PDB file of N, CA and C in Angstrom:
ATOM      1  N   UNK A   1     -17.854 -50.139 175.351  1.00  0.00           N
ATOM      2  CA  UNK A   1     -16.744 -50.303 174.445  1.00  0.00           C
ATOM      3  C   UNK A   1     -16.586 -49.023 173.632  1.00  0.00           C
ATOM      4  N   UNK A   2     -15.356 -48.610 173.432  1.00  0.00           N
ATOM      5  CA  UNK A   2     -15.036 -47.395 172.654  1.00  0.00           C
ATOM      6  C   UNK A   2     -14.369 -47.796 171.335  1.00  0.00           C
ATOM      7  N   UNK A   3     -14.415 -46.881 170.374  1.00  0.00           N
ATOM      8  CA  UNK A   3     -13.790 -47.110 169.067  1.00  0.00           C
ATOM      9  C   UNK A   3     -13.097 -45.865 168.606  1.00  0.00           C
ATOM     10  N   UNK A   4     -11.825 -46.000 168.270  1.00  0.00           N
ATOM     11  CA  UNK A   4     -11.043 -44.903 167.715  1.00  0.00           C
ATOM     12  C   UNK A   4     -10.483 -45.420 166.401  1.00  0.00           C
ATOM     13  N   UNK A   5     -11.210 -45.218 165.308  1.00  0.00           N
ATOM     14  CA  UNK A   5     -10.824 -45.780 164.013  1.00  0.00           C
ATOM     15  C   UNK A   5     -11.069 -44.736 162.913  1.00  0.00           C
ATOM     16  N   UNK A   6     -10.105 -44.620 162.006  1.00  0.00           N
ATOM     17  CA  UNK A   6     -10.176 -43.685 160.899  1.00  0.00           C
ATOM     18  C   UNK A   6      -9.900 -44.461 159.613  1.00  0.00           C
ATOM     19  N   UNK A   7     -10.704 -44.195 158.571  1.00  0.00           N
ATOM     20  CA  UNK A   7     -10.486 -44.764 157.267  1.00  0.00           C
ATOM     21  C   UNK A   7     -10.573 -43.643 156.237  1.00  0.00           C
ATOM     22  N   UNK A   8      -9.526 -43.498 155.441  1.00  0.00           N
ATOM     23  CA  UNK A   8      -9.463 -42.437 154.435  1.00  0.00           C
ATOM     24  C   UNK A   8      -8.979 -42.965 153.108  1.00  0.00           C
ATOM     25  N   UNK A   9      -9.402 -42.367 152.023  1.00  0.00           N
ATOM     26  CA  UNK A   9      -8.871 -42.514 150.679  1.00  0.00           C
ATOM     27  C   UNK A   9      -8.558 -41.144 150.169  1.00  0.00           C
ATOM     28  N   UNK A  10      -7.318 -40.917 149.760  1.00  0.00           N
ATOM     29  CA  UNK A  10      -6.944 -39.613 149.277  1.00  0.00           C
ATOM     30  C   UNK A  10      -5.586 -39.643 148.598  1.00  0.00           C
ATOM     31  N   UNK A  11      -5.055 -38.436 148.334  1.00  0.00           N
ATOM     32  CA  UNK A  11      -3.801 -38.276 147.613  1.00  0.00           C
ATOM     33  C   UNK A  11      -2.755 -37.593 148.512  1.00  0.00           C
ATOM     34  N   UNK A  12      -1.512 -38.073 148.462  1.00  0.00           N
ATOM     35  CA  UNK A  12      -0.451 -37.436 149.214  1.00  0.00           C
ATOM     36  C   UNK A  12      -0.158 -36.053 148.639  1.00  0.00           C
ATOM     37  N   UNK A  13       0.039 -35.086 149.543  1.00  0.00           N
ATOM     38  CA  UNK A  13       0.314 -33.716 149.097  1.00  0.00           C
ATOM     39  C   UNK A  13       1.807 -33.468 148.874  1.00  0.00           C
ATOM     40  N   UNK A  14       2.652 -34.351 149.408  1.00  0.00           N
ATOM     41  CA  UNK A  14       4.098 -34.261 149.182  1.00  0.00           C
ATOM     42  C   UNK A  14       4.689 -35.621 149.521  1.00  0.00           C
ATOM     43  N   UNK A  15       5.959 -35.828 149.172  1.00  0.00           N
ATOM     44  CA  UNK A  15       6.650 -37.082 149.491  1.00  0.00           C
ATOM     45  C   UNK A  15       6.686 -37.273 151.019  1.00  0.00           C
ATOM     46  N   UNK A  16       6.571 -38.525 151.495  1.00  0.00           N
ATOM     47  CA  UNK A  16       6.651 -38.782 152.915  1.00  0.00           C
ATOM     48  C   UNK A  16       8.021 -38.371 153.475  1.00  0.00           C
ATOM     49  N   UNK A  17       8.014 -37.836 154.686  1.00  0.00           N
ATOM     50  CA  UNK A  17       9.250 -37.497 155.376  1.00  0.00           C
ATOM     51  C   UNK A  17       9.606 -38.676 156.274  1.00  0.00           C
ATOM     52  N   UNK A  18      10.818 -39.201 156.152  1.00  0.00           N
ATOM     53  CA  UNK A  18      11.248 -40.342 156.935  1.00  0.00           C
ATOM     54  C   UNK A  18      12.246 -39.869 158.000  1.00  0.00           C
ATOM     55  N   UNK A  19      12.055 -40.356 159.232  1.00  0.00           N
ATOM     56  CA  UNK A  19      13.000 -40.080 160.301  1.00  0.00           C
ATOM     57  C   UNK A  19      12.990 -41.266 161.216  1.00  0.00           C
ATOM     58  N   UNK A  20      13.785 -41.169 162.304  1.00  0.00           N
ATOM     59  CA  UNK A  20      13.849 -42.261 163.264  1.00  0.00           C
ATOM     60  C   UNK A  20      13.604 -41.744 164.660  1.00  0.00           C
ATOM     61  N   UNK A  21      13.000 -42.566 165.487  1.00  0.00           N
ATOM     62  CA  UNK A  21      12.770 -42.223 166.892  1.00  0.00           C
ATOM     63  C   UNK A  21      14.106 -42.366 167.633  1.00  0.00           C
ATOM     64  N   UNK A  22      14.217 -41.836 168.856  1.00  0.00           N
ATOM     65  CA  UNK A  22      15.458 -41.981 169.635  1.00  0.00           C
ATOM     66  C   UNK A  22      15.874 -43.455 169.792  1.00  0.00           C
ATOM     67  N   UNK A  23      14.902 -44.376 169.791  1.00  0.00           N
ATOM     68  CA  UNK A  23      15.221 -45.793 169.922  1.00  0.00           C
ATOM     69  C   UNK A  23      15.603 -46.443 168.579  1.00  0.00           C
ATOM     70  N   UNK A  24      15.530 -45.643 167.485  1.00  0.00           N
ATOM     71  CA  UNK A  24      15.926 -46.157 166.164  1.00  0.00           C
ATOM     72  C   UNK A  24      14.752 -46.671 165.320  1.00  0.00           C
ATOM     73  N   UNK A  25      13.540 -46.603 165.831  1.00  0.00           N
ATOM     74  CA  UNK A  25      12.393 -47.065 165.067  1.00  0.00           C
ATOM     75  C   UNK A  25      12.067 -46.084 163.959  1.00  0.00           C
ATOM     76  N   UNK A  26      11.766 -46.595 162.755  1.00  0.00           N
ATOM     77  CA  UNK A  26      11.430 -45.757 161.601  1.00  0.00           C
ATOM     78  C   UNK A  26      10.103 -45.065 161.771  1.00  0.00           C
ATOM     79  N   UNK A  27      10.036 -43.810 161.319  1.00  0.00           N
ATOM     80  CA  UNK A  27       8.807 -43.024 161.350  1.00  0.00           C
ATOM     81  C   UNK A  27       8.666 -42.376 159.968  1.00  0.00           C
ATOM     82  N   UNK A  28       7.452 -42.433 159.411  1.00  0.00           N
ATOM     83  CA  UNK A  28       7.167 -41.801 158.150  1.00  0.00           C
ATOM     84  C   UNK A  28       5.947 -40.877 158.365  1.00  0.00           C
ATOM     85  N   UNK A  29       6.095 -39.612 157.957  1.00  0.00           N
ATOM     86  CA  UNK A  29       4.997 -38.630 158.107  1.00  0.00           C
ATOM     87  C   UNK A  29       4.638 -38.060 156.744  1.00  0.00           C
ATOM     88  N   UNK A  30       3.336 -37.923 156.517  1.00  0.00           N
ATOM     89  CA  UNK A  30       2.869 -37.303 155.274  1.00  0.00           C
ATOM     90  C   UNK A  30       1.501 -36.712 155.478  1.00  0.00           C
ATOM     91  N   UNK A  31       1.085 -35.926 154.509  1.00  0.00           N
ATOM     92  CA  UNK A  31      -0.212 -35.272 154.525  1.00  0.00           C
ATOM     93  C   UNK A  31      -1.086 -35.868 153.418  1.00  0.00           C
ATOM     94  N   UNK A  32      -2.340 -36.112 153.712  1.00  0.00           N
ATOM     95  CA  UNK A  32      -3.249 -36.700 152.760  1.00  0.00           C
ATOM     96  C   UNK A  32      -4.393 -35.723 152.509  1.00  0.00           C
ATOM     97  N   UNK A  33      -4.713 -35.503 151.246  1.00  0.00           N
ATOM     98  CA  UNK A  33      -5.830 -34.617 150.881  1.00  0.00           C
ATOM     99  C   UNK A  33      -7.015 -35.488 150.477  1.00  0.00           C
ATOM    100  N   UNK A  34      -8.170 -35.133 151.035  1.00  0.00           N
ATOM    101  CA  UNK A  34      -9.426 -35.810 150.671  1.00  0.00           C
ATOM    102  C   UNK A  34     -10.406 -34.758 150.203  1.00  0.00           C
ATOM    103  N   UNK A  35     -11.274 -35.108 149.238  1.00  0.00           N
ATOM    104  CA  UNK A  35     -12.279 -34.205 148.705  1.00  0.00           C
ATOM    105  C   UNK A  35     -13.654 -34.578 149.163  1.00  0.00           C
ATOM    106  N   UNK A  36     -14.482 -33.572 149.326  1.00  0.00           N
ATOM    107  CA  UNK A  36     -15.904 -33.762 149.662  1.00  0.00           C
ATOM    108  C   UNK A  36     -16.689 -32.843 148.728  1.00  0.00           C
ATOM    109  N   UNK A  37     -17.597 -33.408 147.976  1.00  0.00           N
ATOM    110  CA  UNK A  37     -18.335 -32.641 147.008  1.00  0.00           C
ATOM    111  C   UNK A  37     -19.816 -32.604 147.340  1.00  0.00           C
ATOM    112  N   UNK A  38     -20.372 -31.396 147.340  1.00  0.00           N
ATOM    113  CA  UNK A  38     -21.828 -31.221 147.440  1.00  0.00           C
ATOM    114  C   UNK A  38     -22.307 -30.601 146.145  1.00  0.00           C
ATOM    115  N   UNK A  39     -23.591 -30.363 146.036  1.00  0.00           N
ATOM    116  CA  UNK A  39     -24.117 -29.752 144.827  1.00  0.00           C
ATOM    117  C   UNK A  39     -23.564 -28.342 144.646  1.00  0.00           C
ATOM    118  N   UNK A  40     -23.278 -27.663 145.743  1.00  0.00           N
ATOM    119  CA  UNK A  40     -22.855 -26.259 145.689  1.00  0.00           C
ATOM    120  C   UNK A  40     -21.342 -26.101 145.474  1.00  0.00           C
ATOM    121  N   UNK A  41     -20.523 -26.963 146.103  1.00  0.00           N
ATOM    122  CA  UNK A  41     -19.093 -26.770 146.007  1.00  0.00           C
ATOM    123  C   UNK A  41     -18.316 -28.040 146.390  1.00  0.00           C
ATOM    124  N   UNK A  42     -17.028 -27.969 146.158  1.00  0.00           N
ATOM    125  CA  UNK A  42     -16.126 -29.044 146.531  1.00  0.00           C
ATOM    126  C   UNK A  42     -15.195 -28.514 147.652  1.00  0.00           C
ATOM    127  N   UNK A  43     -15.025 -29.324 148.676  1.00  0.00           N
ATOM    128  CA  UNK A  43     -14.181 -28.957 149.785  1.00  0.00           C
ATOM    129  C   UNK A  43     -13.028 -29.971 149.919  1.00  0.00           C
ATOM    130  N   UNK A  44     -11.839 -29.459 150.193  1.00  0.00           N
ATOM    131  CA  UNK A  44     -10.676 -30.318 150.401  1.00  0.00           C
ATOM    132  C   UNK A  44     -10.263 -30.252 151.863  1.00  0.00           C
ATOM    133  N   UNK A  45     -10.016 -31.429 152.453  1.00  0.00           N
ATOM    134  CA  UNK A  45      -9.534 -31.524 153.816  1.00  0.00           C
ATOM    135  C   UNK A  45      -8.143 -32.139 153.767  1.00  0.00           C
ATOM    136  N   UNK A  46      -7.285 -31.685 154.687  1.00  0.00           N
ATOM    137  CA  UNK A  46      -5.914 -32.200 154.760  1.00  0.00           C
ATOM    138  C   UNK A  46      -5.733 -32.917 156.093  1.00  0.00           C
ATOM    139  N   UNK A  47      -5.113 -34.082 156.043  1.00  0.00           N
ATOM    140  CA  UNK A  47      -4.964 -34.939 157.233  1.00  0.00           C
ATOM    141  C   UNK A  47      -3.480 -35.273 157.416  1.00  0.00           C
ATOM    142  N   UNK A  48      -2.961 -35.072 158.620  1.00  0.00           N
ATOM    143  CA  UNK A  48      -1.591 -35.451 158.938  1.00  0.00           C
ATOM    144  C   UNK A  48      -1.580 -36.915 159.355  1.00  0.00           C
ATOM    145  N   UNK A  49      -0.690 -37.690 158.689  1.00  0.00           N
ATOM    146  CA  UNK A  49      -0.603 -39.134 158.921  1.00  0.00           C
ATOM    147  C   UNK A  49       0.823 -39.452 159.406  1.00  0.00           C
ATOM    148  N   UNK A  50       0.916 -40.352 160.354  1.00  0.00           N
ATOM    149  CA  UNK A  50       2.221 -40.858 160.807  1.00  0.00           C
ATOM    150  C   UNK A  50       2.155 -42.400 160.842  1.00  0.00           C
ATOM    151  N   UNK A  51       3.239 -43.015 160.388  1.00  0.00           N
ATOM    152  CA  UNK A  51       3.345 -44.488 160.410  1.00  0.00           C
ATOM    153  C   UNK A  51       4.666 -44.861 161.076  1.00  0.00           C
ATOM    154  N   UNK A  52       4.695 -46.003 161.743  1.00  0.00           N
ATOM    155  CA  UNK A  52       5.852 -46.424 162.524  1.00  0.00           C
ATOM    156  C   UNK A  52       6.347 -47.787 161.994  1.00  0.00           C
ATOM    157  N   UNK A  53       7.602 -48.096 162.258  1.00  0.00           N
ATOM    158  CA  UNK A  53       8.191 -49.404 161.996  1.00  0.00           C
ATOM    159  C   UNK A  53       8.244 -49.808 160.536  1.00  0.00           C
ATOM    160  N   UNK A  54       7.952 -51.056 160.281  1.00  0.00           N
ATOM    161  CA  UNK A  54       8.073 -51.602 158.923  1.00  0.00           C
ATOM    162  C   UNK A  54       7.123 -50.889 157.965  1.00  0.00           C
ATOM    163  N   UNK A  55       5.928 -50.535 158.420  1.00  0.00           N
ATOM    164  CA  UNK A  55       4.982 -49.799 157.564  1.00  0.00           C
ATOM    165  C   UNK A  55       5.603 -48.457 157.135  1.00  0.00           C
ATOM    166  N   UNK A  56       6.280 -47.784 158.065  1.00  0.00           N
ATOM    167  CA  UNK A  56       6.935 -46.512 157.730  1.00  0.00           C
ATOM    168  C   UNK A  56       8.022 -46.713 156.668  1.00  0.00           C
ATOM    169  N   UNK A  57       8.795 -47.795 156.774  1.00  0.00           N
ATOM    170  CA  UNK A  57       9.853 -48.101 155.797  1.00  0.00           C
ATOM    171  C   UNK A  57       9.254 -48.301 154.429  1.00  0.00           C
ATOM    172  N   UNK A  58       8.156 -49.077 154.351  1.00  0.00           N
ATOM    173  CA  UNK A  58       7.522 -49.371 153.062  1.00  0.00           C
ATOM    174  C   UNK A  58       6.925 -48.110 152.467  1.00  0.00           C
ATOM    175  N   UNK A  59       6.257 -47.304 153.253  1.00  0.00           N
ATOM    176  CA  UNK A  59       5.676 -46.036 152.771  1.00  0.00           C
ATOM    177  C   UNK A  59       6.773 -45.142 152.199  1.00  0.00           C
ATOM    178  N   UNK A  60       7.854 -44.996 152.930  1.00  0.00           N
ATOM    179  CA  UNK A  60       8.948 -44.109 152.463  1.00  0.00           C
ATOM    180  C   UNK A  60       9.554 -44.596 151.158  1.00  0.00           C
ATOM    181  N   UNK A  61       9.533 -45.884 150.931  1.00  0.00           N
ATOM    182  CA  UNK A  61      10.138 -46.457 149.740  1.00  0.00           C
ATOM    183  C   UNK A  61       9.208 -46.413 148.532  1.00  0.00           C
ATOM    184  N   UNK A  62       7.928 -46.647 148.706  1.00  0.00           N
ATOM    185  CA  UNK A  62       7.024 -46.850 147.571  1.00  0.00           C
ATOM    186  C   UNK A  62       5.991 -45.739 147.342  1.00  0.00           C
ATOM    187  N   UNK A  63       5.689 -44.950 148.334  1.00  0.00           N
ATOM    188  CA  UNK A  63       4.597 -43.955 148.212  1.00  0.00           C
ATOM    189  C   UNK A  63       5.205 -42.582 147.971  1.00  0.00           C
ATOM    190  N   UNK A  64       4.695 -41.855 146.986  1.00  0.00           N
ATOM    191  CA  UNK A  64       5.227 -40.545 146.615  1.00  0.00           C
ATOM    192  C   UNK A  64       4.121 -39.511 146.509  1.00  0.00           C
ATOM    193  N   UNK A  65       4.512 -38.263 146.367  1.00  0.00           N
ATOM    194  CA  UNK A  65       3.552 -37.162 146.193  1.00  0.00           C
ATOM    195  C   UNK A  65       2.603 -37.511 145.064  1.00  0.00           C
ATOM    196  N   UNK A  66       1.278 -37.289 145.310  1.00  0.00           N
ATOM    197  CA  UNK A  66       0.265 -37.564 144.310  1.00  0.00           C
ATOM    198  C   UNK A  66      -0.283 -38.963 144.330  1.00  0.00           C
ATOM    199  N   UNK A  67       0.364 -39.877 145.050  1.00  0.00           N
ATOM    200  CA  UNK A  67      -0.108 -41.253 145.130  1.00  0.00           C
ATOM    201  C   UNK A  67      -1.486 -41.302 145.797  1.00  0.00           C
ATOM    202  N   UNK A  68      -2.370 -42.107 145.231  1.00  0.00           N
ATOM    203  CA  UNK A  68      -3.683 -42.333 145.868  1.00  0.00           C
ATOM    204  C   UNK A  68      -3.542 -43.523 146.754  1.00  0.00           C
ATOM    205  N   UNK A  69      -3.955 -43.363 148.033  1.00  0.00           N
ATOM    206  CA  UNK A  69      -3.819 -44.428 149.001  1.00  0.00           C
ATOM    207  C   UNK A  69      -5.065 -44.563 149.866  1.00  0.00           C
ATOM    208  N   UNK A  70      -5.273 -45.746 150.374  1.00  0.00           N
ATOM    209  CA  UNK A  70      -6.288 -46.067 151.376  1.00  0.00           C
ATOM    210  C   UNK A  70      -5.517 -46.227 152.694  1.00  0.00           C
ATOM    211  N   UNK A  71      -5.942 -45.466 153.714  1.00  0.00           N
ATOM    212  CA  UNK A  71      -5.262 -45.517 155.009  1.00  0.00           C
ATOM    213  C   UNK A  71      -6.270 -45.865 156.121  1.00  0.00           C
ATOM    214  N   UNK A  72      -5.873 -46.767 156.983  1.00  0.00           N
ATOM    215  CA  UNK A  72      -6.627 -47.066 158.200  1.00  0.00           C
ATOM    216  C   UNK A  72      -5.731 -46.760 159.393  1.00  0.00           C
ATOM    217  N   UNK A  73      -6.330 -46.243 160.452  1.00  0.00           N
ATOM    218  CA  UNK A  73      -5.562 -45.979 161.631  1.00  0.00           C
ATOM    219  C   UNK A  73      -6.446 -45.448 162.769  1.00  0.00           C
ATOM    220  N   UNK A  74      -5.789 -44.732 163.686  1.00  0.00           N
ATOM    221  CA  UNK A  74      -6.492 -44.177 164.834  1.00  0.00           C
ATOM    222  C   UNK A  74      -6.070 -42.724 165.015  1.00  0.00           C
ATOM    223  N   UNK A  75      -6.921 -41.944 165.657  1.00  0.00           N
ATOM    224  CA  UNK A  75      -6.598 -40.540 165.964  1.00  0.00           C
ATOM    225  C   UNK A  75      -5.730 -40.503 167.195  1.00  0.00           C
ATOM    226  N   UNK A  76      -4.730 -39.583 167.141  1.00  0.00           N
ATOM    227  CA  UNK A  76      -3.873 -39.349 168.298  1.00  0.00           C
ATOM    228  C   UNK A  76      -3.567 -37.864 168.377  1.00  0.00           C
ATOM    229  N   UNK A  77      -3.711 -37.259 169.560  1.00  0.00           N
ATOM    230  CA  UNK A  77      -3.448 -35.840 169.748  1.00  0.00           C
ATOM    231  C   UNK A  77      -2.236 -35.652 170.612  1.00  0.00           C
ATOM    232  N   UNK A  78      -1.270 -34.860 170.091  1.00  0.00           N
ATOM    233  CA  UNK A  78      -0.078 -34.498 170.849  1.00  0.00           C
ATOM    234  C   UNK A  78      -0.241 -33.070 171.367  1.00  0.00           C
ATOM    235  N   UNK A  79       0.240 -32.807 172.583  1.00  0.00           N
ATOM    236  CA  UNK A  79       0.199 -31.479 173.153  1.00  0.00           C
ATOM    237  C   UNK A  79       1.594 -31.072 173.585  1.00  0.00           C
ATOM    238  N   UNK A  80       1.920 -29.780 173.437  1.00  0.00           N
ATOM    239  CA  UNK A  80       3.225 -29.279 173.876  1.00  0.00           C
ATOM    240  C   UNK A  80       3.103 -27.763 174.078  1.00  0.00           C
ATOM    241  N   UNK A  81       4.144 -27.220 174.705  1.00  0.00           N
ATOM    242  CA  UNK A  81       4.220 -25.756 174.905  1.00  0.00           C
ATOM    243  C   UNK A  81       5.423 -25.258 174.150  1.00  0.00           C
ATOM    244  N   UNK A  82       5.253 -24.100 173.464  1.00  0.00           N
ATOM    245  CA  UNK A  82       6.381 -23.512 172.741  1.00  0.00           C
ATOM    246  C   UNK A  82       7.301 -22.765 173.713  1.00  0.00           C
ATOM    247  N   UNK A  83       8.347 -22.127 173.204  1.00  0.00           N
ATOM    248  CA  UNK A  83       9.286 -21.435 174.064  1.00  0.00           C
ATOM    249  C   UNK A  83       8.688 -20.342 174.887  1.00  0.00           C
ATOM    250  N   UNK A  84       7.608 -19.754 174.395  1.00  0.00           N
ATOM    251  CA  UNK A  84       6.905 -18.689 175.140  1.00  0.00           C
ATOM    252  C   UNK A  84       5.922 -19.269 176.142  1.00  0.00           C
ATOM    253  N   UNK A  85       5.794 -20.593 176.203  1.00  0.00           N
ATOM    254  CA  UNK A  85       4.867 -21.212 177.127  1.00  0.00           C
ATOM    255  C   UNK A  85       3.441 -21.349 176.622  1.00  0.00           C
ATOM    256  N   UNK A  86       3.217 -21.014 175.348  1.00  0.00           N
ATOM    257  CA  UNK A  86       1.887 -21.111 174.758  1.00  0.00           C
ATOM    258  C   UNK A  86       1.600 -22.580 174.410  1.00  0.00           C
ATOM    259  N   UNK A  87       0.443 -23.106 174.842  1.00  0.00           N
ATOM    260  CA  UNK A  87       0.127 -24.510 174.549  1.00  0.00           C
ATOM    261  C   UNK A  87      -0.316 -24.707 173.079  1.00  0.00           C
ATOM    262  N   UNK A  88       0.059 -25.827 172.525  1.00  0.00           N
ATOM    263  CA  UNK A  88      -0.314 -26.206 171.159  1.00  0.00           C
ATOM    264  C   UNK A  88      -0.834 -27.641 171.165  1.00  0.00           C
ATOM    265  N   UNK A  89      -1.682 -27.973 170.209  1.00  0.00           N
ATOM    266  CA  UNK A  89      -2.163 -29.333 170.031  1.00  0.00           C
ATOM    267  C   UNK A  89      -2.130 -29.685 168.547  1.00  0.00           C
ATOM    268  N   UNK A  90      -1.853 -30.938 168.264  1.00  0.00           N
ATOM    269  CA  UNK A  90      -1.878 -31.408 166.871  1.00  0.00           C
ATOM    270  C   UNK A  90      -2.500 -32.803 166.899  1.00  0.00           C
ATOM    271  N   UNK A  91      -3.558 -32.968 166.125  1.00  0.00           N
ATOM    272  CA  UNK A  91      -4.202 -34.263 165.997  1.00  0.00           C
ATOM    273  C   UNK A  91      -3.769 -34.884 164.675  1.00  0.00           C
ATOM    274  N   UNK A  92      -3.313 -36.113 164.738  1.00  0.00           N
ATOM    275  CA  UNK A  92      -2.844 -36.817 163.559  1.00  0.00           C
ATOM    276  C   UNK A  92      -3.435 -38.243 163.545  1.00  0.00           C
ATOM    277  N   UNK A  93      -3.290 -38.881 162.430  1.00  0.00           N
ATOM    278  CA  UNK A  93      -3.746 -40.266 162.268  1.00  0.00           C
ATOM    279  C   UNK A  93      -2.510 -41.172 162.329  1.00  0.00           C
ATOM    280  N   UNK A  94      -2.538 -42.101 163.252  1.00  0.00           N
ATOM    281  CA  UNK A  94      -1.466 -43.116 163.349  1.00  0.00           C
ATOM    282  C   UNK A  94      -1.907 -44.274 162.483  1.00  0.00           C
ATOM    283  N   UNK A  95      -1.231 -44.455 161.352  1.00  0.00           N
ATOM    284  CA  UNK A  95      -1.624 -45.473 160.385  1.00  0.00           C
ATOM    285  C   UNK A  95      -1.179 -46.894 160.834  1.00  0.00           C
ATOM    286  N   UNK A  96      -2.044 -47.867 160.615  1.00  0.00           N
ATOM    287  CA  UNK A  96      -1.654 -49.246 160.845  1.00  0.00           C
ATOM    288  C   UNK A  96      -1.931 -50.116 159.623  1.00  0.00           C
ATOM    289  N   UNK A  97      -2.465 -49.500 158.566  1.00  0.00           N
ATOM    290  CA  UNK A  97      -2.726 -50.236 157.326  1.00  0.00           C
ATOM    291  C   UNK A  97      -2.736 -49.213 156.196  1.00  0.00           C
ATOM    292  N   UNK A  98      -2.129 -49.560 155.086  1.00  0.00           N
ATOM    293  CA  UNK A  98      -2.110 -48.714 153.901  1.00  0.00           C
ATOM    294  C   UNK A  98      -2.175 -49.574 152.648  1.00  0.00           C
ATOM    295  N   UNK A  99      -3.050 -49.182 151.754  1.00  0.00           N
ATOM    296  CA  UNK A  99      -3.119 -49.865 150.448  1.00  0.00           C
ATOM    297  C   UNK A  99      -2.891 -48.798 149.362  1.00  0.00           C
ATOM    298  N   UNK A 100      -1.918 -49.085 148.506  1.00  0.00           N
ATOM    299  CA  UNK A 100      -1.672 -48.158 147.372  1.00  0.00           C
ATOM    300  C   UNK A 100      -2.706 -48.395 146.300  1.00  0.00           C
ATOM    301  N   UNK A 101      -3.373 -47.360 145.872  1.00  0.00           N
ATOM    302  CA  UNK A 101      -4.421 -47.462 144.856  1.00  0.00           C
ATOM    303  C   UNK A 101      -3.927 -46.817 143.564  1.00  0.00           C
ATOM    304  N   UNK A 102      -4.548 -47.187 142.460  1.00  0.00           N
ATOM    305  CA  UNK A 102      -4.235 -46.515 141.188  1.00  0.00           C
ATOM    306  C   UNK A 102      -2.933 -46.959 140.587  1.00  0.00           C
ATOM    307  N   UNK A 103      -2.362 -48.067 141.063  1.00  0.00           N
ATOM    308  CA  UNK A 103      -1.128 -48.603 140.496  1.00  0.00           C
ATOM    309  C   UNK A 103      -1.396 -49.985 139.948  1.00  0.00           C
ATOM    310  N   UNK A 104      -0.529 -50.433 139.032  1.00  0.00           N
ATOM    311  CA  UNK A 104      -0.656 -51.790 138.556  1.00  0.00           C
ATOM    312  C   UNK A 104      -0.501 -52.754 139.705  1.00  0.00           C
ATOM    313  N   UNK A 105      -1.357 -53.730 139.779  1.00  0.00           N
ATOM    314  CA  UNK A 105      -1.234 -54.741 140.840  1.00  0.00           C
ATOM    315  C   UNK A 105      -1.257 -54.120 142.196  1.00  0.00           C
ATOM    316  N   UNK A 106      -2.383 -53.564 142.578  1.00  0.00           N
ATOM    317  CA  UNK A 106      -2.499 -52.884 143.865  1.00  0.00           C
ATOM    318  C   UNK A 106      -1.739 -53.648 144.958  1.00  0.00           C
ATOM    319  N   UNK A 107      -0.948 -52.917 145.697  1.00  0.00           N
ATOM    320  CA  UNK A 107      -0.134 -53.535 146.757  1.00  0.00           C
ATOM    321  C   UNK A 107      -0.722 -53.196 148.108  1.00  0.00           C
ATOM    322  N   UNK A 108      -1.011 -54.221 148.871  1.00  0.00           N
ATOM    323  CA  UNK A 108      -1.547 -53.992 150.242  1.00  0.00           C
ATOM    324  C   UNK A 108      -0.390 -54.170 151.216  1.00  0.00           C
ATOM    325  N   UNK A 109      -0.280 -53.211 152.115  1.00  0.00           N
ATOM    326  CA  UNK A 109       0.712 -53.251 153.161  1.00  0.00           C
ATOM    327  C   UNK A 109      -0.017 -53.229 154.462  1.00  0.00           C
ATOM    328  N   UNK A 110       0.046 -54.332 155.190  1.00  0.00           N
ATOM    329  CA  UNK A 110      -0.686 -54.428 156.449  1.00  0.00           C
ATOM    330  C   UNK A 110       0.258 -54.916 157.501  1.00  0.00           C
ATOM    331  N   UNK A 111       0.462 -54.112 158.544  1.00  0.00           N
ATOM    332  CA  UNK A 111       1.345 -54.456 159.632  1.00  0.00           C
ATOM    333  C   UNK A 111       0.582 -54.426 160.921  1.00  0.00           C
ATOM    334  N   UNK A 112       0.635 -55.430 161.773  1.00  0.00           N
ATOM    335  CA  UNK A 112      -0.091 -55.399 163.030  1.00  0.00           C
ATOM    336  C   UNK A 112       0.346 -54.191 163.863  1.00  0.00           C
ATOM    337  N   UNK A 113      -0.588 -53.649 164.634  1.00  0.00           N
ATOM    338  CA  UNK A 113      -0.330 -52.452 165.449  1.00  0.00           C
ATOM    339  C   UNK A 113       0.812 -52.702 166.426  1.00  0.00           C
ATOM    340  N   UNK A 114       1.051 -53.911 166.828  1.00  0.00           N
ATOM    341  CA  UNK A 114       2.113 -54.224 167.798  1.00  0.00           C
ATOM    342  C   UNK A 114       3.497 -54.226 167.168  1.00  0.00           C
ATOM    343  N   UNK A 115       3.582 -54.141 165.852  1.00  0.00           N
ATOM    344  CA  UNK A 115       4.901 -54.236 165.189  1.00  0.00           C
ATOM    345  C   UNK A 115       5.659 -52.933 165.315  1.00  0.00           C
TER     346      UNK A 115
END
């Protein structure tokens, strides 16, 4: 059995970008910053997140730059070639659960992966 699962808590670096797929399905993309602290220094990592469907609609409406969120999802890598034929890869997290933290009455948004 294999497992592809990611769990993060961090802050949005900018407002989510909302767009639609060719079929009309909502897509929301954002970047999440997470901190890791050792005795010597603090390191910040940035994670590209994408959400689809109803979860994307809710994220675009309620989540803004600086919001602290809990995200669950899976890793997905896209590959493509630019105009010069050079290959590129981008690994992102496909979110299937998001909980807004640090707000009054924490709101949980959970949408099944099949939605």
